[in-house]
Amino acid sequence: MILKDIWLDVKAVQERDPAARNALEVLFLYQGVHALIWHRFAHWFYKHRMFFIARLLSQMARFFTLIEIHPGAEMGHGILIDHGCGVVIGETTVVGDNCTIYQGVTLGGVGLNKGKRHPTLGNNVTVGAGAKILGAFEVGDNCRVAANAVLLKPLENDTTAVGIPARPVKIGGVPVPKEQREETVTKEQYKAMEERVQKMEEELKRLRQQLDLFSGQSET
């Protein structure tokens, strides 16, 4: 299965990179393919709960390719990491089939909570150079995130997003009129909402403790 995934990654480079001359060149000389090969072995160890070996392999891959993919990330088939220097992909990220990721991309998380905290990319998604996709949300199939964009919210299928923070400018190839573009949440607003959620969680925890204490007293 791993060998099949590697071959599909090689073919993806051949099909989508005009500079690729043949499969042998891609296999031996493309660091994006090398990073994915390392990752697929590291992910196998991660799934079998051999976390130290998995992380060791991912760090070795990072040293040799300058591409950091956490061994817990789920990578689809036929992925092209073009150039790739500076790419960071977090632990709970899911990348669908036939995605294209350019250099400097971050698929990261926000907050310090455990669990799902990184984005999920659908199939045929293109993420431009330097773009950041931050948070546990879904980016639909056939979406395009422009270079240097910062995406903080979900995208529907066939959507093109640009800007900081990123907002849809095309849906299904049709430009979105400015008056119809949804207001986006700024980083400051997102941080304020996150702080409010944390306070609510703390208050809920305190109320649960009081309820447990009251229940214990009632039983006695």
N, C-alpha and C. Protein backbone atom coordinates (compact mmCIF):
# COMPACT_ATOMS: atom_id res chain seq x y z
N MET A 1 0.84 -1.21 0.00
CA MET A 1 0.00 0.00 0.00
C MET A 1 0.87 1.26 0.00
N ILE A 2 1.93 1.27 0.82
CA ILE A 2 2.81 2.42 0.88
C ILE A 2 3.49 2.64 -0.47
N LEU A 3 3.94 1.55 -1.11
CA LEU A 3 4.59 1.67 -2.41
C LEU A 3 3.64 2.23 -3.46
N LYS A 4 2.37 1.82 -3.38
CA LYS A 4 1.38 2.36 -4.31
C LYS A 4 1.19 3.85 -4.09
N ASP A 5 1.13 4.28 -2.82
CA ASP A 5 0.98 5.70 -2.51
C ASP A 5 2.17 6.50 -3.04
N ILE A 6 3.38 5.95 -2.88
CA ILE A 6 4.57 6.63 -3.37
C ILE A 6 4.52 6.80 -4.88
N TRP A 7 4.10 5.74 -5.59
CA TRP A 7 4.00 5.81 -7.04
C TRP A 7 2.97 6.85 -7.48
N LEU A 8 1.86 6.93 -6.78
CA LEU A 8 0.84 7.93 -7.12
C LEU A 8 1.36 9.34 -6.90
N ASP A 9 2.18 9.53 -5.85
CA ASP A 9 2.78 10.85 -5.61
C ASP A 9 3.74 11.21 -6.74
N VAL A 10 4.53 10.24 -7.19
CA VAL A 10 5.46 10.48 -8.30
C VAL A 10 4.69 10.86 -9.57
N LYS A 11 3.62 10.12 -9.87
CA LYS A 11 2.82 10.41 -11.05
C LYS A 11 2.17 11.78 -10.96
N ALA A 12 1.77 12.19 -9.73
CA ALA A 12 1.15 13.51 -9.55
C ALA A 12 2.13 14.61 -9.93
N VAL A 13 3.40 14.44 -9.54
CA VAL A 13 4.41 15.44 -9.89
C VAL A 13 4.59 15.48 -11.40
N GLN A 14 4.67 14.34 -12.02
CA GLN A 14 4.84 14.28 -13.48
C GLN A 14 3.70 14.98 -14.22
N GLU A 15 2.49 14.80 -13.71
CA GLU A 15 1.32 15.35 -14.39
C GLU A 15 1.16 16.85 -14.16
N ARG A 16 1.57 17.34 -12.99
CA ARG A 16 1.26 18.73 -12.63
C ARG A 16 2.47 19.66 -12.56
N ASP A 17 3.68 19.14 -12.72
CA ASP A 17 4.87 19.99 -12.72
C ASP A 17 5.49 19.96 -14.11
N PRO A 18 5.41 21.06 -14.87
CA PRO A 18 5.97 21.07 -16.23
C PRO A 18 7.47 20.81 -16.27
N ALA A 19 8.18 21.06 -15.15
CA ALA A 19 9.63 20.86 -15.13
C ALA A 19 10.03 19.40 -14.95
N ALA A 20 9.09 18.55 -14.57
CA ALA A 20 9.41 17.13 -14.33
C ALA A 20 9.56 16.41 -15.67
N ARG A 21 10.72 15.76 -15.86
CA ARG A 21 11.01 15.11 -17.14
C ARG A 21 10.61 13.63 -17.15
N ASN A 22 10.88 12.93 -16.06
CA ASN A 22 10.55 11.51 -16.02
C ASN A 22 10.40 11.06 -14.58
N ALA A 23 9.86 9.85 -14.38
CA ALA A 23 9.57 9.35 -13.04
C ALA A 23 10.82 9.15 -12.21
N LEU A 24 11.92 8.73 -12.85
CA LEU A 24 13.16 8.50 -12.12
C LEU A 24 13.70 9.79 -11.53
N GLU A 25 13.66 10.86 -12.32
CA GLU A 25 14.10 12.17 -11.84
C GLU A 25 13.25 12.63 -10.65
N VAL A 26 11.94 12.46 -10.77
CA VAL A 26 11.03 12.87 -9.70
C VAL A 26 11.31 12.08 -8.42
N LEU A 27 11.49 10.78 -8.54
CA LEU A 27 11.68 9.93 -7.38
C LEU A 27 12.97 10.26 -6.64
N PHE A 28 14.03 10.58 -7.36
CA PHE A 28 15.33 10.76 -6.72
C PHE A 28 15.67 12.22 -6.42
N LEU A 29 15.01 13.18 -7.08
CA LEU A 29 15.47 14.56 -6.98
C LEU A 29 14.43 15.54 -6.44
N TYR A 30 13.21 15.10 -6.16
CA TYR A 30 12.16 16.02 -5.70
C TYR A 30 11.96 15.87 -4.20
N GLN A 31 12.28 16.93 -3.44
CA GLN A 31 12.20 16.84 -1.99
C GLN A 31 10.77 16.71 -1.48
N GLY A 32 9.80 17.21 -2.26
CA GLY A 32 8.40 17.03 -1.86
C GLY A 32 8.01 15.56 -1.84
N VAL A 33 8.47 14.80 -2.84
CA VAL A 33 8.23 13.36 -2.88
C VAL A 33 8.97 12.68 -1.74
N HIS A 34 10.22 13.09 -1.48
CA HIS A 34 10.98 12.50 -0.39
C HIS A 34 10.27 12.70 0.95
N ALA A 35 9.74 13.92 1.17
CA ALA A 35 9.05 14.19 2.43
C ALA A 35 7.83 13.30 2.59
N LEU A 36 7.11 13.07 1.50
CA LEU A 36 5.93 12.21 1.57
C LEU A 36 6.30 10.75 1.79
N ILE A 37 7.42 10.31 1.20
CA ILE A 37 7.88 8.93 1.42
C ILE A 37 8.20 8.74 2.90
N TRP A 38 9.00 9.65 3.46
CA TRP A 38 9.32 9.57 4.89
C TRP A 38 8.04 9.55 5.71
N HIS A 39 7.10 10.44 5.35
CA HIS A 39 5.88 10.56 6.14
C HIS A 39 5.06 9.28 6.11
N ARG A 40 4.96 8.64 4.98
CA ARG A 40 4.12 7.46 4.88
C ARG A 40 4.64 6.33 5.77
N PHE A 41 5.95 6.22 5.91
CA PHE A 41 6.51 5.24 6.84
C PHE A 41 6.29 5.70 8.29
N ALA A 42 6.52 7.00 8.54
CA ALA A 42 6.32 7.53 9.89
C ALA A 42 4.87 7.37 10.33
N HIS A 43 3.94 7.59 9.42
CA HIS A 43 2.52 7.48 9.75
C HIS A 43 2.15 6.03 10.09
N TRP A 44 2.78 5.07 9.43
CA TRP A 44 2.54 3.66 9.75
C TRP A 44 2.93 3.37 11.19
N PHE A 45 4.09 3.86 11.60
CA PHE A 45 4.53 3.66 12.99
C PHE A 45 3.60 4.41 13.94
N TYR A 46 3.14 5.60 13.55
CA TYR A 46 2.24 6.38 14.40
C TYR A 46 0.93 5.63 14.63
N LYS A 47 0.36 5.06 13.58
CA LYS A 47 -0.89 4.31 13.70
C LYS A 47 -0.72 3.07 14.58
N HIS A 48 0.48 2.53 14.63
CA HIS A 48 0.74 1.37 15.47
C HIS A 48 1.30 1.77 16.84
N ARG A 49 1.11 3.06 17.19
CA ARG A 49 1.43 3.59 18.51
C ARG A 49 2.91 3.51 18.85
N MET A 50 3.76 3.51 17.86
CA MET A 50 5.20 3.60 18.07
C MET A 50 5.60 5.06 17.82
N PHE A 51 5.19 5.92 18.76
CA PHE A 51 5.25 7.36 18.55
C PHE A 51 6.68 7.90 18.45
N PHE A 52 7.59 7.34 19.24
CA PHE A 52 8.97 7.86 19.21
C PHE A 52 9.61 7.63 17.84
N ILE A 53 9.47 6.42 17.31
CA ILE A 53 10.05 6.12 16.00
C ILE A 53 9.38 6.98 14.92
N ALA A 54 8.07 7.13 15.04
CA ALA A 54 7.34 7.95 14.07
C ALA A 54 7.86 9.38 14.07
N ARG A 55 8.03 9.94 15.26
CA ARG A 55 8.49 11.33 15.34
C ARG A 55 9.95 11.45 14.92
N LEU A 56 10.74 10.43 15.20
CA LEU A 56 12.14 10.44 14.78
C LEU A 56 12.23 10.49 13.25
N LEU A 57 11.43 9.69 12.57
CA LEU A 57 11.43 9.70 11.12
C LEU A 57 10.99 11.05 10.56
N SER A 58 9.96 11.64 11.19
CA SER A 58 9.48 12.93 10.70
C SER A 58 10.52 14.03 10.89
N GLN A 59 11.27 13.95 11.98
CA GLN A 59 12.32 14.96 12.20
C GLN A 59 13.50 14.76 11.26
N MET A 60 13.81 13.52 10.94
CA MET A 60 14.85 13.27 9.94
C MET A 60 14.42 13.80 8.58
N ALA A 61 13.16 13.59 8.24
CA ALA A 61 12.63 14.13 6.98
C ALA A 61 12.72 15.65 6.97
N ARG A 62 12.39 16.26 8.09
CA ARG A 62 12.47 17.72 8.19
C ARG A 62 13.89 18.21 7.99
N PHE A 63 14.86 17.48 8.53
CA PHE A 63 16.27 17.87 8.41
C PHE A 63 16.72 17.83 6.95
N PHE A 64 16.33 16.78 6.23
CA PHE A 64 16.81 16.59 4.87
C PHE A 64 16.00 17.35 3.82
N THR A 65 14.71 17.63 4.09
CA THR A 65 13.85 18.23 3.06
C THR A 65 13.36 19.63 3.39
N LEU A 66 13.49 20.06 4.65
CA LEU A 66 12.94 21.34 5.13
C LEU A 66 11.42 21.38 5.03
N ILE A 67 10.81 20.20 5.02
CA ILE A 67 9.36 20.06 5.03
C ILE A 67 8.98 19.28 6.28
N GLU A 68 8.11 19.85 7.11
CA GLU A 68 7.74 19.20 8.37
C GLU A 68 6.30 18.71 8.31
N ILE A 69 6.14 17.40 8.31
CA ILE A 69 4.81 16.79 8.33
C ILE A 69 4.73 15.93 9.59
N HIS A 70 3.83 16.28 10.49
CA HIS A 70 3.68 15.48 11.71
C HIS A 70 3.24 14.07 11.32
N PRO A 71 3.79 13.04 11.96
CA PRO A 71 3.43 11.67 11.59
C PRO A 71 1.96 11.33 11.78
N GLY A 72 1.25 12.12 12.58
CA GLY A 72 -0.18 11.86 12.77
C GLY A 72 -1.05 12.40 11.65
N ALA A 73 -0.51 13.27 10.80
CA ALA A 73 -1.30 13.84 9.71
C ALA A 73 -1.71 12.76 8.72
N GLU A 74 -2.91 12.89 8.17
CA GLU A 74 -3.41 11.93 7.19
C GLU A 74 -3.31 12.55 5.79
N MET A 75 -2.46 11.96 4.98
CA MET A 75 -2.20 12.47 3.64
C MET A 75 -2.82 11.55 2.60
N GLY A 76 -3.53 12.12 1.64
CA GLY A 76 -4.19 11.33 0.61
C GLY A 76 -3.22 10.86 -0.47
N HIS A 77 -3.76 10.58 -1.66
CA HIS A 77 -2.95 10.07 -2.77
C HIS A 77 -2.71 11.18 -3.79
N GLY A 78 -1.63 11.06 -4.53
CA GLY A 78 -1.37 11.98 -5.62
C GLY A 78 -1.15 13.40 -5.18
N ILE A 79 -0.45 13.59 -4.06
CA ILE A 79 -0.21 14.94 -3.52
C ILE A 79 1.07 15.51 -4.13
N LEU A 80 1.02 16.76 -4.52
CA LEU A 80 2.19 17.47 -5.01
C LEU A 80 2.58 18.55 -4.01
N ILE A 81 3.76 18.40 -3.41
CA ILE A 81 4.35 19.46 -2.59
C ILE A 81 5.43 20.10 -3.44
N ASP A 82 5.12 21.23 -4.06
CA ASP A 82 6.00 21.85 -5.04
C ASP A 82 7.04 22.73 -4.35
N HIS A 83 8.30 22.50 -4.63
CA HIS A 83 9.42 23.15 -3.96
C HIS A 83 9.43 22.75 -2.48
N GLY A 84 8.44 23.21 -1.72
CA GLY A 84 8.18 22.64 -0.40
C GLY A 84 8.90 23.24 0.77
N CYS A 85 9.97 23.99 0.56
CA CYS A 85 10.73 24.52 1.69
C CYS A 85 9.83 25.34 2.61
N GLY A 86 9.85 25.02 3.91
CA GLY A 86 9.07 25.76 4.88
C GLY A 86 7.65 25.28 5.08
N VAL A 87 7.25 24.21 4.42
CA VAL A 87 5.89 23.68 4.61
C VAL A 87 5.80 23.02 5.99
N VAL A 88 4.71 23.32 6.72
CA VAL A 88 4.46 22.73 8.04
C VAL A 88 3.04 22.20 8.05
N ILE A 89 2.89 20.91 8.38
CA ILE A 89 1.58 20.26 8.41
C ILE A 89 1.39 19.62 9.78
N GLY A 90 0.34 20.05 10.51
CA GLY A 90 0.15 19.65 11.90
C GLY A 90 -0.43 18.25 12.08
N GLU A 91 -0.47 17.84 13.34
CA GLU A 91 -0.79 16.46 13.72
C GLU A 91 -2.16 15.98 13.25
N THR A 92 -3.19 16.78 13.42
CA THR A 92 -4.54 16.32 13.11
C THR A 92 -5.03 16.81 11.75
N THR A 93 -4.09 17.23 10.91
CA THR A 93 -4.44 17.66 9.56
C THR A 93 -4.85 16.47 8.72
N VAL A 94 -5.82 16.69 7.84
CA VAL A 94 -6.21 15.70 6.84
C VAL A 94 -6.11 16.38 5.47
N VAL A 95 -5.34 15.78 4.57
CA VAL A 95 -5.17 16.32 3.21
C VAL A 95 -5.74 15.30 2.24
N GLY A 96 -6.68 15.72 1.41
CA GLY A 96 -7.34 14.81 0.47
C GLY A 96 -6.48 14.45 -0.72
N ASP A 97 -7.07 13.77 -1.67
CA ASP A 97 -6.35 13.30 -2.86
C ASP A 97 -6.10 14.44 -3.84
N ASN A 98 -4.96 14.33 -4.54
CA ASN A 98 -4.62 15.23 -5.66
C ASN A 98 -4.53 16.69 -5.25
N CYS A 99 -4.11 16.95 -4.02
CA CYS A 99 -3.91 18.33 -3.57
C CYS A 99 -2.53 18.84 -3.98
N THR A 100 -2.43 20.15 -4.15
CA THR A 100 -1.16 20.79 -4.48
C THR A 100 -0.83 21.81 -3.40
N ILE A 101 0.36 21.67 -2.82
CA ILE A 101 0.79 22.54 -1.73
C ILE A 101 2.13 23.16 -2.11
N TYR A 102 2.18 24.49 -2.10
CA TYR A 102 3.40 25.18 -2.49
C TYR A 102 4.24 25.54 -1.26
N GLN A 103 5.42 26.10 -1.52
CA GLN A 103 6.38 26.37 -0.44
C GLN A 103 5.83 27.37 0.58
N GLY A 104 6.26 27.19 1.83
CA GLY A 104 5.90 28.13 2.88
C GLY A 104 4.50 27.98 3.43
N VAL A 105 3.79 26.95 3.05
CA VAL A 105 2.41 26.76 3.52
C VAL A 105 2.40 26.20 4.94
N THR A 106 1.47 26.68 5.75
CA THR A 106 1.25 26.14 7.09
C THR A 106 -0.19 25.65 7.21
N LEU A 107 -0.34 24.38 7.54
CA LEU A 107 -1.66 23.83 7.89
C LEU A 107 -1.62 23.61 9.39
N GLY A 108 -1.99 24.64 10.14
CA GLY A 108 -1.75 24.66 11.58
C GLY A 108 -3.01 24.72 12.41
N GLY A 109 -2.79 24.71 13.70
CA GLY A 109 -3.89 24.76 14.66
C GLY A 109 -3.88 26.05 15.46
N VAL A 110 -4.96 26.26 16.19
CA VAL A 110 -5.06 27.41 17.10
C VAL A 110 -5.46 26.87 18.47
N GLY A 111 -4.95 27.51 19.51
CA GLY A 111 -5.26 27.06 20.86
C GLY A 111 -4.39 25.89 21.28
N LEU A 112 -4.54 25.52 22.55
CA LEU A 112 -3.72 24.46 23.14
C LEU A 112 -4.55 23.25 23.52
N ASN A 113 -5.80 23.19 23.08
CA ASN A 113 -6.65 22.07 23.44
C ASN A 113 -6.26 20.81 22.69
N LYS A 114 -6.51 19.67 23.31
CA LYS A 114 -6.25 18.39 22.66
C LYS A 114 -7.35 18.10 21.64
N GLY A 115 -7.13 17.06 20.83
CA GLY A 115 -8.13 16.67 19.85
C GLY A 115 -7.90 17.35 18.51
N LYS A 116 -8.93 17.32 17.69
CA LYS A 116 -8.85 17.88 16.35
C LYS A 116 -8.65 19.38 16.41
N ARG A 117 -7.54 19.88 15.86
CA ARG A 117 -7.25 21.30 15.93
C ARG A 117 -6.61 21.83 14.64
N HIS A 118 -6.51 20.98 13.63
CA HIS A 118 -5.92 21.37 12.35
C HIS A 118 -6.95 21.19 11.23
N PRO A 119 -6.71 21.80 10.10
CA PRO A 119 -7.71 21.79 9.02
C PRO A 119 -7.83 20.44 8.31
N THR A 120 -8.95 20.28 7.63
CA THR A 120 -9.20 19.13 6.75
C THR A 120 -9.38 19.66 5.34
N LEU A 121 -8.52 19.24 4.43
CA LEU A 121 -8.59 19.66 3.04
C LEU A 121 -9.26 18.57 2.21
N GLY A 122 -10.20 18.98 1.36
CA GLY A 122 -10.85 18.03 0.47
C GLY A 122 -9.94 17.62 -0.67
N ASN A 123 -10.51 17.06 -1.72
CA ASN A 123 -9.75 16.63 -2.88
C ASN A 123 -9.50 17.80 -3.84
N ASN A 124 -8.38 17.74 -4.53
CA ASN A 124 -8.04 18.71 -5.59
C ASN A 124 -7.95 20.14 -5.06
N VAL A 125 -7.47 20.30 -3.84
CA VAL A 125 -7.30 21.63 -3.25
C VAL A 125 -5.90 22.15 -3.59
N THR A 126 -5.81 23.43 -3.93
CA THR A 126 -4.52 24.07 -4.19
C THR A 126 -4.30 25.16 -3.15
N VAL A 127 -3.13 25.08 -2.48
CA VAL A 127 -2.78 26.06 -1.45
C VAL A 127 -1.54 26.80 -1.93
N GLY A 128 -1.67 28.10 -2.17
CA GLY A 128 -0.59 28.90 -2.74
C GLY A 128 0.57 29.14 -1.79
N ALA A 129 1.68 29.59 -2.34
CA ALA A 129 2.90 29.80 -1.57
C ALA A 129 2.67 30.76 -0.41
N GLY A 130 3.13 30.35 0.77
CA GLY A 130 3.05 31.21 1.94
C GLY A 130 1.69 31.28 2.61
N ALA A 131 0.71 30.57 2.09
CA ALA A 131 -0.63 30.61 2.68
C ALA A 131 -0.68 29.88 4.02
N LYS A 132 -1.54 30.35 4.91
CA LYS A 132 -1.73 29.73 6.22
C LYS A 132 -3.21 29.35 6.37
N ILE A 133 -3.45 28.10 6.71
CA ILE A 133 -4.81 27.64 7.01
C ILE A 133 -4.79 27.17 8.45
N LEU A 134 -5.49 27.90 9.32
CA LEU A 134 -5.36 27.72 10.77
C LEU A 134 -6.70 27.41 11.40
N GLY A 135 -6.80 26.23 12.02
CA GLY A 135 -8.02 25.88 12.73
C GLY A 135 -8.59 24.56 12.27
N ALA A 136 -9.52 24.03 13.08
CA ALA A 136 -10.13 22.72 12.82
C ALA A 136 -11.42 22.90 12.02
N PHE A 137 -11.29 23.14 10.75
CA PHE A 137 -12.45 23.29 9.88
C PHE A 137 -12.15 22.64 8.54
N GLU A 138 -13.15 22.59 7.67
CA GLU A 138 -13.02 21.89 6.40
C GLU A 138 -12.88 22.88 5.24
N VAL A 139 -12.00 22.53 4.33
CA VAL A 139 -11.87 23.24 3.06
C VAL A 139 -12.38 22.29 1.98
N GLY A 140 -13.41 22.68 1.26
CA GLY A 140 -14.10 21.77 0.34
C GLY A 140 -13.27 21.37 -0.86
N ASP A 141 -13.80 20.45 -1.64
CA ASP A 141 -13.13 19.97 -2.84
C ASP A 141 -12.95 21.10 -3.85
N ASN A 142 -11.84 21.01 -4.59
CA ASN A 142 -11.55 21.92 -5.72
C ASN A 142 -11.39 23.37 -5.29
N CYS A 143 -11.07 23.60 -4.02
CA CYS A 143 -10.86 24.97 -3.56
C CYS A 143 -9.44 25.44 -3.88
N ARG A 144 -9.28 26.76 -3.95
CA ARG A 144 -7.97 27.38 -4.17
C ARG A 144 -7.78 28.46 -3.12
N VAL A 145 -6.66 28.38 -2.40
CA VAL A 145 -6.31 29.39 -1.41
C VAL A 145 -5.11 30.15 -1.96
N ALA A 146 -5.26 31.44 -2.12
CA ALA A 146 -4.24 32.24 -2.80
C ALA A 146 -2.95 32.33 -1.99
N ALA A 147 -1.86 32.68 -2.67
CA ALA A 147 -0.57 32.86 -2.01
C ALA A 147 -0.67 33.91 -0.91
N ASN A 148 -0.05 33.59 0.23
CA ASN A 148 0.03 34.48 1.40
C ASN A 148 -1.31 34.77 2.07
N ALA A 149 -2.36 34.06 1.67
CA ALA A 149 -3.65 34.23 2.34
C ALA A 149 -3.60 33.58 3.72
N VAL A 150 -4.46 34.05 4.62
CA VAL A 150 -4.60 33.47 5.95
C VAL A 150 -6.07 33.06 6.11
N LEU A 151 -6.32 31.78 6.01
CA LEU A 151 -7.69 31.27 6.05
C LEU A 151 -8.04 30.82 7.46
N LEU A 152 -9.14 31.36 8.00
CA LEU A 152 -9.54 31.08 9.38
C LEU A 152 -10.94 30.49 9.49
N LYS A 153 -11.56 30.18 8.36
CA LYS A 153 -12.92 29.64 8.42
C LYS A 153 -13.15 28.69 7.24
N PRO A 154 -14.19 27.86 7.30
CA PRO A 154 -14.41 26.86 6.25
C PRO A 154 -14.68 27.48 4.88
N LEU A 155 -14.43 26.66 3.85
CA LEU A 155 -14.76 27.04 2.49
C LEU A 155 -15.64 25.96 1.87
N GLU A 156 -16.64 26.38 1.11
CA GLU A 156 -17.47 25.43 0.37
C GLU A 156 -16.70 24.93 -0.85
N ASN A 157 -17.22 23.89 -1.48
CA ASN A 157 -16.58 23.34 -2.69
C ASN A 157 -16.42 24.41 -3.77
N ASP A 158 -15.35 24.28 -4.55
CA ASP A 158 -15.13 25.12 -5.75
C ASP A 158 -15.01 26.61 -5.42
N THR A 159 -14.39 26.91 -4.28
CA THR A 159 -14.26 28.31 -3.85
C THR A 159 -12.81 28.76 -3.93
N THR A 160 -12.61 29.98 -4.39
CA THR A 160 -11.29 30.62 -4.39
C THR A 160 -11.29 31.70 -3.32
N ALA A 161 -10.28 31.66 -2.43
CA ALA A 161 -10.20 32.61 -1.32
C ALA A 161 -8.87 33.35 -1.37
N VAL A 162 -8.93 34.65 -1.08
CA VAL A 162 -7.72 35.48 -1.05
C VAL A 162 -7.79 36.41 0.15
N GLY A 163 -6.62 36.96 0.53
CA GLY A 163 -6.59 38.02 1.52
C GLY A 163 -6.23 37.57 2.91
N ILE A 164 -6.09 38.57 3.81
CA ILE A 164 -5.79 38.36 5.22
C ILE A 164 -6.80 39.17 6.04
N PRO A 165 -7.74 38.51 6.71
CA PRO A 165 -8.04 37.08 6.61
C PRO A 165 -8.67 36.76 5.25
N ALA A 166 -8.55 35.50 4.82
CA ALA A 166 -9.01 35.12 3.49
C ALA A 166 -10.54 35.14 3.41
N ARG A 167 -11.05 35.53 2.27
CA ARG A 167 -12.48 35.55 2.02
C ARG A 167 -12.74 35.07 0.59
N PRO A 168 -13.89 34.48 0.33
CA PRO A 168 -14.19 33.98 -1.02
C PRO A 168 -14.30 35.11 -2.04
N VAL A 169 -13.66 34.93 -3.18
CA VAL A 169 -13.80 35.88 -4.28
C VAL A 169 -14.40 35.22 -5.51
N LYS A 170 -14.36 33.87 -5.56
CA LYS A 170 -14.99 33.13 -6.64
C LYS A 170 -15.62 31.86 -6.09
N ILE A 171 -16.80 31.54 -6.58
CA ILE A 171 -17.44 30.27 -6.24
C ILE A 171 -17.88 29.61 -7.54
N GLY A 172 -17.35 28.43 -7.81
CA GLY A 172 -17.64 27.76 -9.07
C GLY A 172 -17.16 28.54 -10.27
N GLY A 173 -16.08 29.32 -10.11
CA GLY A 173 -15.53 30.10 -11.20
C GLY A 173 -16.23 31.43 -11.43
N VAL A 174 -17.28 31.71 -10.67
CA VAL A 174 -18.04 32.95 -10.83
C VAL A 174 -17.61 33.93 -9.74
N PRO A 175 -17.18 35.15 -10.12
CA PRO A 175 -16.77 36.12 -9.11
C PRO A 175 -17.90 36.47 -8.15
N VAL A 176 -17.54 36.63 -6.89
CA VAL A 176 -18.51 37.01 -5.86
C VAL A 176 -18.56 38.53 -5.78
N PRO A 177 -19.74 39.16 -5.99
CA PRO A 177 -19.83 40.61 -5.87
C PRO A 177 -19.39 41.08 -4.48
N LYS A 178 -18.77 42.23 -4.44
CA LYS A 178 -18.25 42.73 -3.17
C LYS A 178 -19.34 42.87 -2.12
N GLU A 179 -20.52 43.30 -2.54
CA GLU A 179 -21.59 43.51 -1.55
C GLU A 179 -22.11 42.21 -0.99
N GLN A 180 -21.82 41.08 -1.66
CA GLN A 180 -22.31 39.79 -1.18
C GLN A 180 -21.25 39.03 -0.40
N ARG A 181 -20.04 39.53 -0.35
CA ARG A 181 -18.99 38.83 0.37
C ARG A 181 -19.23 38.93 1.87
N GLU A 182 -19.14 37.81 2.54
CA GLU A 182 -19.41 37.77 3.97
C GLU A 182 -18.28 38.45 4.73
N GLU A 183 -18.67 39.08 5.81
CA GLU A 183 -17.66 39.66 6.69
C GLU A 183 -16.85 38.56 7.34
N THR A 184 -15.56 38.73 7.39
CA THR A 184 -14.68 37.74 7.99
C THR A 184 -14.33 38.14 9.42
N VAL A 185 -13.93 37.16 10.19
CA VAL A 185 -13.56 37.40 11.58
C VAL A 185 -12.09 37.75 11.65
N THR A 186 -11.76 38.85 12.29
CA THR A 186 -10.36 39.23 12.45
C THR A 186 -9.68 38.37 13.51
N LYS A 187 -8.35 38.44 13.54
CA LYS A 187 -7.61 37.68 14.53
C LYS A 187 -7.97 38.12 15.95
N GLU A 188 -8.16 39.42 16.12
CA GLU A 188 -8.52 39.93 17.45
C GLU A 188 -9.89 39.41 17.89
N GLN A 189 -10.85 39.39 16.95
CA GLN A 189 -12.17 38.87 17.28
C GLN A 189 -12.12 37.38 17.58
N TYR A 190 -11.32 36.65 16.80
CA TYR A 190 -11.20 35.21 17.04
C TYR A 190 -10.58 34.94 18.40
N LYS A 191 -9.55 35.72 18.76
CA LYS A 191 -8.90 35.56 20.06
C LYS A 191 -9.88 35.86 21.19
N ALA A 192 -10.69 36.91 21.02
CA ALA A 192 -11.67 37.25 22.04
C ALA A 192 -12.70 36.14 22.21
N MET A 193 -13.16 35.56 21.08
CA MET A 193 -14.11 34.46 21.16
C MET A 193 -13.50 33.24 21.83
N GLU A 194 -12.23 32.97 21.52
CA GLU A 194 -11.56 31.84 22.14
C GLU A 194 -11.45 32.02 23.66
N GLU A 195 -11.14 33.24 24.10
CA GLU A 195 -11.05 33.52 25.53
C GLU A 195 -12.41 33.34 26.21
N ARG A 196 -13.48 33.77 25.54
CA ARG A 196 -14.83 33.60 26.10
C ARG A 196 -15.19 32.12 26.21
N VAL A 197 -14.82 31.34 25.21
CA VAL A 197 -15.10 29.90 25.26
C VAL A 197 -14.34 29.25 26.41
N GLN A 198 -13.08 29.63 26.59
CA GLN A 198 -12.28 29.08 27.69
C GLN A 198 -12.90 29.41 29.04
N LYS A 199 -13.36 30.65 29.20
CA LYS A 199 -14.01 31.05 30.45
C LYS A 199 -15.29 30.25 30.68
N MET A 200 -16.05 30.03 29.60
CA MET A 200 -17.28 29.25 29.72
C MET A 200 -16.97 27.80 30.10
N GLU A 201 -15.90 27.25 29.55
CA GLU A 201 -15.51 25.88 29.89
C GLU A 201 -15.08 25.79 31.35
N GLU A 202 -14.35 26.79 31.84
CA GLU A 202 -13.95 26.81 33.24
C GLU A 202 -15.16 26.92 34.16
N GLU A 203 -16.12 27.77 33.77
CA GLU A 203 -17.33 27.93 34.58
C GLU A 203 -18.14 26.63 34.58
N LEU A 204 -18.22 25.98 33.43
CA LEU A 204 -18.94 24.71 33.33
C LEU A 204 -18.28 23.64 34.20
N LYS A 205 -16.97 23.62 34.20
CA LYS A 205 -16.24 22.65 35.03
C LYS A 205 -16.52 22.90 36.51
N ARG A 206 -16.54 24.19 36.90
CA ARG A 206 -16.80 24.54 38.30
C ARG A 206 -18.21 24.13 38.70
N LEU A 207 -19.18 24.36 37.81
CA LEU A 207 -20.57 23.98 38.11
C LEU A 207 -20.72 22.47 38.21
N ARG A 208 -20.01 21.74 37.38
CA ARG A 208 -20.06 20.28 37.46
C ARG A 208 -19.50 19.78 38.78
N GLN A 209 -18.42 20.40 39.23
CA GLN A 209 -17.83 20.00 40.50
C GLN A 209 -18.80 20.27 41.65
N GLN A 210 -19.47 21.42 41.60
CA GLN A 210 -20.46 21.73 42.64
C GLN A 210 -21.63 20.75 42.59
N LEU A 211 -22.05 20.38 41.38
CA LEU A 211 -23.14 19.43 41.23
C LEU A 211 -22.76 18.06 41.76
N ASP A 212 -21.53 17.62 41.48
CA ASP A 212 -21.06 16.34 41.99
C ASP A 212 -20.99 16.36 43.52
N LEU A 213 -20.54 17.49 44.07
CA LEU A 213 -20.46 17.63 45.52
C LEU A 213 -21.85 17.59 46.14
N PHE A 214 -22.79 18.28 45.53
CA PHE A 214 -24.17 18.30 46.03
C PHE A 214 -24.78 16.92 45.94
N SER A 215 -24.52 16.19 44.85
CA SER A 215 -25.06 14.85 44.70
C SER A 215 -24.51 13.91 45.77
N GLY A 216 -23.21 14.07 46.09
CA GLY A 216 -22.60 13.25 47.12
C GLY A 216 -23.19 13.51 48.48
N GLN A 217 -23.47 14.78 48.78
CA GLN A 217 -24.07 15.12 50.07
C GLN A 217 -25.50 14.58 50.17
N SER A 218 -26.23 14.59 49.05
CA SER A 218 -27.62 14.11 49.05
C SER A 218 -27.66 12.61 49.33
N GLU A 219 -26.71 11.86 48.78
CA GLU A 219 -26.69 10.43 48.98
C GLU A 219 -26.40 10.05 50.43
N THR A 220 -25.57 10.88 51.10
CA THR A 220 -25.26 10.60 52.51
C THR A 220 -26.42 11.00 53.42
